[in-house]
């Protein structure tokens, strides 16, 4: 259950939700994400660390930059969690 809470905690930040949306178009360099969000690179790195810890994204270092992408199939699992929560609520 801790991992479920970690996923929802990660999704509670508007910046992190926007990062996920941006990564939905494909693999992206952290430098491009910072420019698009108009925040500092350390701020983006912090939020990406939270998303990585929650198992939503992964990163690959290439030279001095890290390229991030969504973990395939992970959002299907998150949608399943939402469906389970909704079904459990209606049957209670």
PDB file of N, CA and C in Angstrom:
ATOM      1  N   UNK A   1       0.809  -1.197   0.000  1.00  0.00           N
ATOM      2  CA  UNK A   1       0.000   0.000   0.000  1.00  0.00           C
ATOM      3  C   UNK A   1       0.852   1.259   0.000  1.00  0.00           C
ATOM      4  N   UNK A   2       2.079   1.190   0.536  1.00  0.00           N
ATOM      5  CA  UNK A   2       2.942   2.365   0.550  1.00  0.00           C
ATOM      6  C   UNK A   2       3.238   2.852  -0.851  1.00  0.00           C
ATOM      7  N   UNK A   3       3.425   1.925  -1.793  1.00  0.00           N
ATOM      8  CA  UNK A   3       3.731   2.344  -3.160  1.00  0.00           C
ATOM      9  C   UNK A   3       2.532   3.030  -3.807  1.00  0.00           C
ATOM     10  N   UNK A   4       1.336   2.628  -3.466  1.00  0.00           N
ATOM     11  CA  UNK A   4       0.134   3.275  -3.987  1.00  0.00           C
ATOM     12  C   UNK A   4       0.077   4.717  -3.475  1.00  0.00           C
ATOM     13  N   UNK A   5       0.324   4.889  -2.204  1.00  0.00           N
ATOM     14  CA  UNK A   5       0.325   6.231  -1.627  1.00  0.00           C
ATOM     15  C   UNK A   5       1.421   7.084  -2.259  1.00  0.00           C
ATOM     16  N   UNK A   6       2.570   6.484  -2.532  1.00  0.00           N
ATOM     17  CA  UNK A   6       3.669   7.224  -3.152  1.00  0.00           C
ATOM     18  C   UNK A   6       3.294   7.702  -4.554  1.00  0.00           C
ATOM     19  N   UNK A   7       2.574   6.881  -5.304  1.00  0.00           N
ATOM     20  CA  UNK A   7       2.124   7.276  -6.640  1.00  0.00           C
ATOM     21  C   UNK A   7       1.173   8.456  -6.542  1.00  0.00           C
ATOM     22  N   UNK A   8       0.198   8.376  -5.650  1.00  0.00           N
ATOM     23  CA  UNK A   8      -0.759   9.468  -5.527  1.00  0.00           C
ATOM     24  C   UNK A   8      -0.111  10.734  -4.977  1.00  0.00           C
ATOM     25  N   UNK A   9       0.846  10.581  -4.094  1.00  0.00           N
ATOM     26  CA  UNK A   9       1.587  11.743  -3.600  1.00  0.00           C
ATOM     27  C   UNK A   9       2.351  12.394  -4.751  1.00  0.00           C
ATOM     28  N   UNK A  10       2.965  11.583  -5.604  1.00  0.00           N
ATOM     29  CA  UNK A  10       3.700  12.115  -6.753  1.00  0.00           C
ATOM     30  C   UNK A  10       2.775  12.861  -7.699  1.00  0.00           C
ATOM     31  N   UNK A  11       1.548  12.398  -7.834  1.00  0.00           N
ATOM     32  CA  UNK A  11       0.580  13.029  -8.734  1.00  0.00           C
ATOM     33  C   UNK A  11      -0.088  14.257  -8.125  1.00  0.00           C
ATOM     34  N   UNK A  12       0.222  14.562  -6.873  1.00  0.00           N
ATOM     35  CA  UNK A  12      -0.445  15.678  -6.196  1.00  0.00           C
ATOM     36  C   UNK A  12       0.148  17.043  -6.546  1.00  0.00           C
ATOM     37  N   UNK A  13       1.251  17.067  -7.262  1.00  0.00           N
ATOM     38  CA  UNK A  13       1.897  18.326  -7.617  1.00  0.00           C
ATOM     39  C   UNK A  13       1.569  18.719  -9.055  1.00  0.00           C
ATOM     40  N   UNK A  14       1.078  19.938  -9.269  1.00  0.00           N
ATOM     41  CA  UNK A  14       0.794  20.381 -10.637  1.00  0.00           C
ATOM     42  C   UNK A  14       2.031  20.333 -11.547  1.00  0.00           C
ATOM     43  N   UNK A  15       3.191  20.640 -11.014  1.00  0.00           N
ATOM     44  CA  UNK A  15       4.414  20.585 -11.830  1.00  0.00           C
ATOM     45  C   UNK A  15       4.696  19.152 -12.261  1.00  0.00           C
ATOM     46  N   UNK A  16       4.528  18.201 -11.348  1.00  0.00           N
ATOM     47  CA  UNK A  16       4.802  16.799 -11.696  1.00  0.00           C
ATOM     48  C   UNK A  16       3.786  16.274 -12.706  1.00  0.00           C
ATOM     49  N   UNK A  17       2.531  16.680 -12.567  1.00  0.00           N
ATOM     50  CA  UNK A  17       1.521  16.262 -13.554  1.00  0.00           C
ATOM     51  C   UNK A  17       1.871  16.844 -14.920  1.00  0.00           C
ATOM     52  N   UNK A  18       2.316  18.081 -14.934  1.00  0.00           N
ATOM     53  CA  UNK A  18       2.714  18.699 -16.209  1.00  0.00           C
ATOM     54  C   UNK A  18       3.938  17.992 -16.797  1.00  0.00           C
ATOM     55  N   UNK A  19       4.882  17.620 -15.958  1.00  0.00           N
ATOM     56  CA  UNK A  19       6.046  16.864 -16.442  1.00  0.00           C
ATOM     57  C   UNK A  19       5.621  15.547 -17.083  1.00  0.00           C
ATOM     58  N   UNK A  20       4.696  14.852 -16.456  1.00  0.00           N
ATOM     59  CA  UNK A  20       4.209  13.592 -17.027  1.00  0.00           C
ATOM     60  C   UNK A  20       3.553  13.826 -18.373  1.00  0.00           C
ATOM     61  N   UNK A  21       2.770  14.888 -18.467  1.00  0.00           N
ATOM     62  CA  UNK A  21       2.124  15.221 -19.733  1.00  0.00           C
ATOM     63  C   UNK A  21       3.190  15.500 -20.799  1.00  0.00           C
ATOM     64  N   UNK A  22       4.229  16.238 -20.432  1.00  0.00           N
ATOM     65  CA  UNK A  22       5.299  16.567 -21.376  1.00  0.00           C
ATOM     66  C   UNK A  22       6.062  15.313 -21.808  1.00  0.00           C
ATOM     67  N   UNK A  23       6.253  14.386 -20.894  1.00  0.00           N
ATOM     68  CA  UNK A  23       6.955  13.147 -21.224  1.00  0.00           C
ATOM     69  C   UNK A  23       6.090  12.199 -22.045  1.00  0.00           C
ATOM     70  N   UNK A  24       4.801  12.451 -22.085  1.00  0.00           N
ATOM     71  CA  UNK A  24       3.895  11.618 -22.863  1.00  0.00           C
ATOM     72  C   UNK A  24       4.163  11.667 -24.362  1.00  0.00           C
ATOM     73  N   UNK A  25       4.848  12.694 -24.826  1.00  0.00           N
ATOM     74  CA  UNK A  25       5.174  12.796 -26.252  1.00  0.00           C
ATOM     75  C   UNK A  25       6.433  12.026 -26.601  1.00  0.00           C
ATOM     76  N   UNK A  26       7.150  11.551 -25.598  1.00  0.00           N
ATOM     77  CA  UNK A  26       8.352  10.774 -25.835  1.00  0.00           C
ATOM     78  C   UNK A  26       9.489  11.208 -24.925  1.00  0.00           C
ATOM     79  N   UNK A  27      10.598  10.551 -25.104  1.00  0.00           N
ATOM     80  CA  UNK A  27      11.782  10.806 -24.299  1.00  0.00           C
ATOM     81  C   UNK A  27      12.219  12.267 -24.430  1.00  0.00           C
ATOM     82  N   UNK A  28      12.546  12.885 -23.289  1.00  0.00           N
ATOM     83  CA  UNK A  28      12.874  14.301 -23.278  1.00  0.00           C
ATOM     84  C   UNK A  28      14.045  14.567 -22.347  1.00  0.00           C
ATOM     85  N   UNK A  29      14.890  15.499 -22.751  1.00  0.00           N
ATOM     86  CA  UNK A  29      16.046  15.897 -21.955  1.00  0.00           C
ATOM     87  C   UNK A  29      15.595  16.820 -20.826  1.00  0.00           C
ATOM     88  N   UNK A  30      16.206  16.657 -19.674  1.00  0.00           N
ATOM     89  CA  UNK A  30      15.852  17.487 -18.533  1.00  0.00           C
ATOM     90  C   UNK A  30      16.060  18.972 -18.848  1.00  0.00           C
ATOM     91  N   UNK A  31      17.019  19.288 -19.679  1.00  0.00           N
ATOM     92  CA  UNK A  31      17.259  20.695 -20.031  1.00  0.00           C
ATOM     93  C   UNK A  31      16.062  21.285 -20.773  1.00  0.00           C
ATOM     94  N   UNK A  32      15.436  20.510 -21.637  1.00  0.00           N
ATOM     95  CA  UNK A  32      14.256  20.984 -22.366  1.00  0.00           C
ATOM     96  C   UNK A  32      13.047  21.132 -21.446  1.00  0.00           C
ATOM     97  N   UNK A  33      12.941  20.251 -20.479  1.00  0.00           N
ATOM     98  CA  UNK A  33      11.832  20.317 -19.542  1.00  0.00           C
ATOM     99  C   UNK A  33      11.914  21.589 -18.706  1.00  0.00           C
ATOM    100  N   UNK A  34      13.109  21.943 -18.262  1.00  0.00           N
ATOM    101  CA  UNK A  34      13.294  23.146 -17.450  1.00  0.00           C
ATOM    102  C   UNK A  34      12.922  24.384 -18.246  1.00  0.00           C
ATOM    103  N   UNK A  35      13.347  24.434 -19.497  1.00  0.00           N
ATOM    104  CA  UNK A  35      13.018  25.588 -20.344  1.00  0.00           C
ATOM    105  C   UNK A  35      11.516  25.718 -20.537  1.00  0.00           C
ATOM    106  N   UNK A  36      10.863  24.615 -20.795  1.00  0.00           N
ATOM    107  CA  UNK A  36       9.416  24.625 -21.052  1.00  0.00           C
ATOM    108  C   UNK A  36       8.612  25.023 -19.815  1.00  0.00           C
ATOM    109  N   UNK A  37       9.039  24.556 -18.650  1.00  0.00           N
ATOM    110  CA  UNK A  37       8.313  24.849 -17.409  1.00  0.00           C
ATOM    111  C   UNK A  37       8.666  26.211 -16.825  1.00  0.00           C
ATOM    112  N   UNK A  38       9.742  26.814 -17.340  1.00  0.00           N
ATOM    113  CA  UNK A  38      10.227  28.098 -16.844  1.00  0.00           C
ATOM    114  C   UNK A  38      10.569  28.048 -15.357  1.00  0.00           C
ATOM    115  N   UNK A  39      11.212  26.951 -14.966  1.00  0.00           N
ATOM    116  CA  UNK A  39      11.749  26.795 -13.614  1.00  0.00           C
ATOM    117  C   UNK A  39      13.205  26.360 -13.753  1.00  0.00           C
ATOM    118  N   UNK A  40      13.912  26.346 -12.644  1.00  0.00           N
ATOM    119  CA  UNK A  40      15.324  25.977 -12.695  1.00  0.00           C
ATOM    120  C   UNK A  40      15.494  24.478 -12.906  1.00  0.00           C
ATOM    121  N   UNK A  41      16.640  24.104 -13.424  1.00  0.00           N
ATOM    122  CA  UNK A  41      16.943  22.690 -13.647  1.00  0.00           C
ATOM    123  C   UNK A  41      16.933  21.907 -12.334  1.00  0.00           C
ATOM    124  N   UNK A  42      17.477  22.457 -11.215  1.00  0.00           N
ATOM    125  CA  UNK A  42      17.380  21.703  -9.956  1.00  0.00           C
ATOM    126  C   UNK A  42      15.941  21.440  -9.514  1.00  0.00           C
ATOM    127  N   UNK A  43      15.037  22.385  -9.787  1.00  0.00           N
ATOM    128  CA  UNK A  43      13.628  22.186  -9.448  1.00  0.00           C
ATOM    129  C   UNK A  43      13.040  21.040 -10.261  1.00  0.00           C
ATOM    130  N   UNK A  44      13.327  21.023 -11.554  1.00  0.00           N
ATOM    131  CA  UNK A  44      12.843  19.941 -12.418  1.00  0.00           C
ATOM    132  C   UNK A  44      13.440  18.611 -11.960  1.00  0.00           C
ATOM    133  N   UNK A  45      14.725  18.611 -11.649  1.00  0.00           N
ATOM    134  CA  UNK A  45      15.386  17.374 -11.204  1.00  0.00           C
ATOM    135  C   UNK A  45      14.746  16.832  -9.930  1.00  0.00           C
ATOM    136  N   UNK A  46      14.394  17.723  -9.005  1.00  0.00           N
ATOM    137  CA  UNK A  46      13.730  17.285  -7.775  1.00  0.00           C
ATOM    138  C   UNK A  46      12.412  16.588  -8.093  1.00  0.00           C
ATOM    139  N   UNK A  47      11.597  17.220  -8.924  1.00  0.00           N
ATOM    140  CA  UNK A  47      10.293  16.643  -9.252  1.00  0.00           C
ATOM    141  C   UNK A  47      10.435  15.338 -10.029  1.00  0.00           C
ATOM    142  N   UNK A  48      11.431  15.260 -10.901  1.00  0.00           N
ATOM    143  CA  UNK A  48      11.673  14.014 -11.631  1.00  0.00           C
ATOM    144  C   UNK A  48      12.146  12.912 -10.687  1.00  0.00           C
ATOM    145  N   UNK A  49      12.879  13.276  -9.654  1.00  0.00           N
ATOM    146  CA  UNK A  49      13.309  12.292  -8.653  1.00  0.00           C
ATOM    147  C   UNK A  49      12.093  11.694  -7.938  1.00  0.00           C
ATOM    148  N   UNK A  50      11.125  12.544  -7.610  1.00  0.00           N
ATOM    149  CA  UNK A  50       9.889  12.068  -6.959  1.00  0.00           C
ATOM    150  C   UNK A  50       9.129  11.128  -7.894  1.00  0.00           C
ATOM    151  N   UNK A  51       9.008  11.512  -9.164  1.00  0.00           N
ATOM    152  CA  UNK A  51       8.310  10.679 -10.143  1.00  0.00           C
ATOM    153  C   UNK A  51       9.035   9.358 -10.380  1.00  0.00           C
ATOM    154  N   UNK A  52      10.350   9.402 -10.357  1.00  0.00           N
ATOM    155  CA  UNK A  52      11.145   8.178 -10.524  1.00  0.00           C
ATOM    156  C   UNK A  52      10.951   7.254  -9.320  1.00  0.00           C
ATOM    157  N   UNK A  53      10.993   7.827  -8.117  1.00  0.00           N
ATOM    158  CA  UNK A  53      10.805   7.027  -6.899  1.00  0.00           C
ATOM    159  C   UNK A  53       9.423   6.378  -6.867  1.00  0.00           C
ATOM    160  N   UNK A  54       8.443   7.047  -7.455  1.00  0.00           N
ATOM    161  CA  UNK A  54       7.083   6.501  -7.504  1.00  0.00           C
ATOM    162  C   UNK A  54       6.924   5.472  -8.622  1.00  0.00           C
ATOM    163  N   UNK A  55       7.975   5.294  -9.428  1.00  0.00           N
ATOM    164  CA  UNK A  55       7.925   4.295 -10.490  1.00  0.00           C
ATOM    165  C   UNK A  55       7.160   4.747 -11.718  1.00  0.00           C
ATOM    166  N   UNK A  56       7.048   6.061 -11.924  1.00  0.00           N
ATOM    167  CA  UNK A  56       6.295   6.564 -13.059  1.00  0.00           C
ATOM    168  C   UNK A  56       7.173   6.914 -14.255  1.00  0.00           C
ATOM    169  N   UNK A  57       8.409   7.314 -13.992  1.00  0.00           N
ATOM    170  CA  UNK A  57       9.333   7.663 -15.073  1.00  0.00           C
ATOM    171  C   UNK A  57      10.689   7.021 -14.813  1.00  0.00           C
ATOM    172  N   UNK A  58      11.489   6.964 -15.866  1.00  0.00           N
ATOM    173  CA  UNK A  58      12.865   6.492 -15.724  1.00  0.00           C
ATOM    174  C   UNK A  58      13.767   7.440 -16.496  1.00  0.00           C
ATOM    175  N   UNK A  59      15.023   7.469 -16.104  1.00  0.00           N
ATOM    176  CA  UNK A  59      15.975   8.351 -16.750  1.00  0.00           C
ATOM    177  C   UNK A  59      17.214   7.605 -17.196  1.00  0.00           C
ATOM    178  N   UNK A  60      17.829   8.124 -18.255  1.00  0.00           N
ATOM    179  CA  UNK A  60      19.061   7.537 -18.777  1.00  0.00           C
ATOM    180  C   UNK A  60      20.068   8.662 -19.010  1.00  0.00           C
ATOM    181  N   UNK A  61      21.224   8.554 -18.354  1.00  0.00           N
ATOM    182  CA  UNK A  61      22.248   9.577 -18.502  1.00  0.00           C
ATOM    183  C   UNK A  61      22.954   9.416 -19.837  1.00  0.00           C
ATOM    184  N   UNK A  62      23.069  10.548 -20.534  1.00  0.00           N
ATOM    185  CA  UNK A  62      23.813  10.605 -21.784  1.00  0.00           C
ATOM    186  C   UNK A  62      24.690  11.843 -21.725  1.00  0.00           C
ATOM    187  N   UNK A  63      25.969  11.621 -21.497  1.00  0.00           N
ATOM    188  CA  UNK A  63      26.870  12.753 -21.338  1.00  0.00           C
ATOM    189  C   UNK A  63      26.556  13.490 -20.053  1.00  0.00           C
ATOM    190  N   UNK A  64      26.309  14.793 -20.155  1.00  0.00           N
ATOM    191  CA  UNK A  64      26.026  15.581 -18.957  1.00  0.00           C
ATOM    192  C   UNK A  64      24.542  15.708 -18.650  1.00  0.00           C
ATOM    193  N   UNK A  65      23.682  15.233 -19.554  1.00  0.00           N
ATOM    194  CA  UNK A  65      22.248  15.367 -19.365  1.00  0.00           C
ATOM    195  C   UNK A  65      21.584  14.014 -19.136  1.00  0.00           C
ATOM    196  N   UNK A  66      20.423  14.056 -18.518  1.00  0.00           N
ATOM    197  CA  UNK A  66      19.621  12.852 -18.326  1.00  0.00           C
ATOM    198  C   UNK A  66      18.361  12.985 -19.176  1.00  0.00           C
ATOM    199  N   UNK A  67      18.057  11.933 -19.895  1.00  0.00           N
ATOM    200  CA  UNK A  67      16.856  11.876 -20.733  1.00  0.00           C
ATOM    201  C   UNK A  67      15.816  11.043 -19.997  1.00  0.00           C
ATOM    202  N   UNK A  68      14.604  11.568 -19.865  1.00  0.00           N
ATOM    203  CA  UNK A  68      13.536  10.909 -19.123  1.00  0.00           C
ATOM    204  C   UNK A  68      12.428  10.431 -20.046  1.00  0.00           C
ATOM    205  N   UNK A  69      11.785   9.367 -19.626  1.00  0.00           N
ATOM    206  CA  UNK A  69      10.640   8.840 -20.362  1.00  0.00           C
ATOM    207  C   UNK A  69       9.680   8.186 -19.378  1.00  0.00           C
ATOM    208  N   UNK A  70       8.443   8.030 -19.823  1.00  0.00           N
ATOM    209  CA  UNK A  70       7.445   7.326 -19.021  1.00  0.00           C
ATOM    210  C   UNK A  70       7.767   5.843 -19.001  1.00  0.00           C
ATOM    211  N   UNK A  71       7.441   5.181 -17.922  1.00  0.00           N
ATOM    212  CA  UNK A  71       7.618   3.737 -17.843  1.00  0.00           C
ATOM    213  C   UNK A  71       6.410   3.090 -18.511  1.00  0.00           C
ATOM    214  N   UNK A  72       6.653   2.335 -19.592  1.00  0.00           N
ATOM    215  CA  UNK A  72       5.542   1.724 -20.336  1.00  0.00           C
ATOM    216  C   UNK A  72       4.663   0.851 -19.441  1.00  0.00           C
ATOM    217  N   UNK A  73       3.365   1.002 -19.600  1.00  0.00           N
ATOM    218  CA  UNK A  73       2.411   0.170 -18.861  1.00  0.00           C
ATOM    219  C   UNK A  73       2.115   0.640 -17.452  1.00  0.00           C
ATOM    220  N   UNK A  74       2.928   1.538 -16.935  1.00  0.00           N
ATOM    221  CA  UNK A  74       2.748   1.973 -15.553  1.00  0.00           C
ATOM    222  C   UNK A  74       1.433   2.732 -15.371  1.00  0.00           C
ATOM    223  N   UNK A  75       1.054   3.532 -16.360  1.00  0.00           N
ATOM    224  CA  UNK A  75      -0.169   4.297 -16.211  1.00  0.00           C
ATOM    225  C   UNK A  75      -1.406   3.420 -16.315  1.00  0.00           C
ATOM    226  N   UNK A  76      -1.306   2.306 -16.997  1.00  0.00           N
ATOM    227  CA  UNK A  76      -2.406   1.342 -16.991  1.00  0.00           C
ATOM    228  C   UNK A  76      -2.614   0.823 -15.569  1.00  0.00           C
ATOM    229  N   UNK A  77      -1.503   0.609 -14.856  1.00  0.00           N
ATOM    230  CA  UNK A  77      -1.607   0.160 -13.464  1.00  0.00           C
ATOM    231  C   UNK A  77      -2.234   1.236 -12.588  1.00  0.00           C
ATOM    232  N   UNK A  78      -1.848   2.498 -12.810  1.00  0.00           N
ATOM    233  CA  UNK A  78      -2.414   3.605 -12.035  1.00  0.00           C
ATOM    234  C   UNK A  78      -3.913   3.724 -12.305  1.00  0.00           C
ATOM    235  N   UNK A  79      -4.314   3.592 -13.563  1.00  0.00           N
ATOM    236  CA  UNK A  79      -5.736   3.631 -13.901  1.00  0.00           C
ATOM    237  C   UNK A  79      -6.461   2.479 -13.216  1.00  0.00           C
ATOM    238  N   UNK A  80      -5.810   1.329 -13.144  1.00  0.00           N
ATOM    239  CA  UNK A  80      -6.380   0.199 -12.427  1.00  0.00           C
ATOM    240  C   UNK A  80      -6.584   0.504 -10.951  1.00  0.00           C
ATOM    241  N   UNK A  81      -5.643   1.227 -10.355  1.00  0.00           N
ATOM    242  CA  UNK A  81      -5.782   1.627  -8.955  1.00  0.00           C
ATOM    243  C   UNK A  81      -6.984   2.545  -8.774  1.00  0.00           C
ATOM    244  N   UNK A  82      -7.157   3.460  -9.710  1.00  0.00           N
ATOM    245  CA  UNK A  82      -8.297   4.370  -9.633  1.00  0.00           C
ATOM    246  C   UNK A  82      -9.614   3.609  -9.784  1.00  0.00           C
ATOM    247  N   UNK A  83      -9.656   2.651 -10.697  1.00  0.00           N
ATOM    248  CA  UNK A  83     -10.856   1.849 -10.897  1.00  0.00           C
ATOM    249  C   UNK A  83     -11.174   1.031  -9.658  1.00  0.00           C
ATOM    250  N   UNK A  84     -10.125   0.467  -9.044  1.00  0.00           N
ATOM    251  CA  UNK A  84     -10.313  -0.325  -7.830  1.00  0.00           C
ATOM    252  C   UNK A  84     -10.864   0.549  -6.719  1.00  0.00           C
ATOM    253  N   UNK A  85     -10.318   1.753  -6.570  1.00  0.00           N
ATOM    254  CA  UNK A  85     -10.785   2.651  -5.521  1.00  0.00           C
ATOM    255  C   UNK A  85     -12.246   3.025  -5.744  1.00  0.00           C
ATOM    256  N   UNK A  86     -12.607   3.301  -6.989  1.00  0.00           N
ATOM    257  CA  UNK A  86     -13.982   3.678  -7.308  1.00  0.00           C
ATOM    258  C   UNK A  86     -14.913   2.496  -7.063  1.00  0.00           C
ATOM    259  N   UNK A  87     -14.530   1.303  -7.532  1.00  0.00           N
ATOM    260  CA  UNK A  87     -15.389   0.127  -7.330  1.00  0.00           C
ATOM    261  C   UNK A  87     -15.550  -0.200  -5.859  1.00  0.00           C
ATOM    262  N   UNK A  88     -14.472  -0.065  -5.093  1.00  0.00           N
ATOM    263  CA  UNK A  88     -14.541  -0.331  -3.666  1.00  0.00           C
ATOM    264  C   UNK A  88     -15.444   0.653  -2.956  1.00  0.00           C
ATOM    265  N   UNK A  89     -15.458   1.893  -3.422  1.00  0.00           N
ATOM    266  CA  UNK A  89     -16.269   2.940  -2.816  1.00  0.00           C
ATOM    267  C   UNK A  89     -17.756   2.686  -3.054  1.00  0.00           C
ATOM    268  N   UNK A  90     -18.095   2.251  -4.279  1.00  0.00           N
ATOM    269  CA  UNK A  90     -19.503   2.056  -4.591  1.00  0.00           C
ATOM    270  C   UNK A  90     -20.087   0.819  -3.919  1.00  0.00           C
ATOM    271  N   UNK A  91     -19.237  -0.127  -3.572  1.00  0.00           N
ATOM    272  CA  UNK A  91     -19.759  -1.342  -2.955  1.00  0.00           C
ATOM    273  C   UNK A  91     -19.812  -1.246  -1.453  1.00  0.00           C
ATOM    274  N   UNK A  92     -19.290  -0.144  -0.891  1.00  0.00           N
ATOM    275  CA  UNK A  92     -19.285  -0.006   0.565  1.00  0.00           C
ATOM    276  C   UNK A  92     -20.566   0.590   1.079  1.00  0.00           C
TER     277      UNK A  92
END
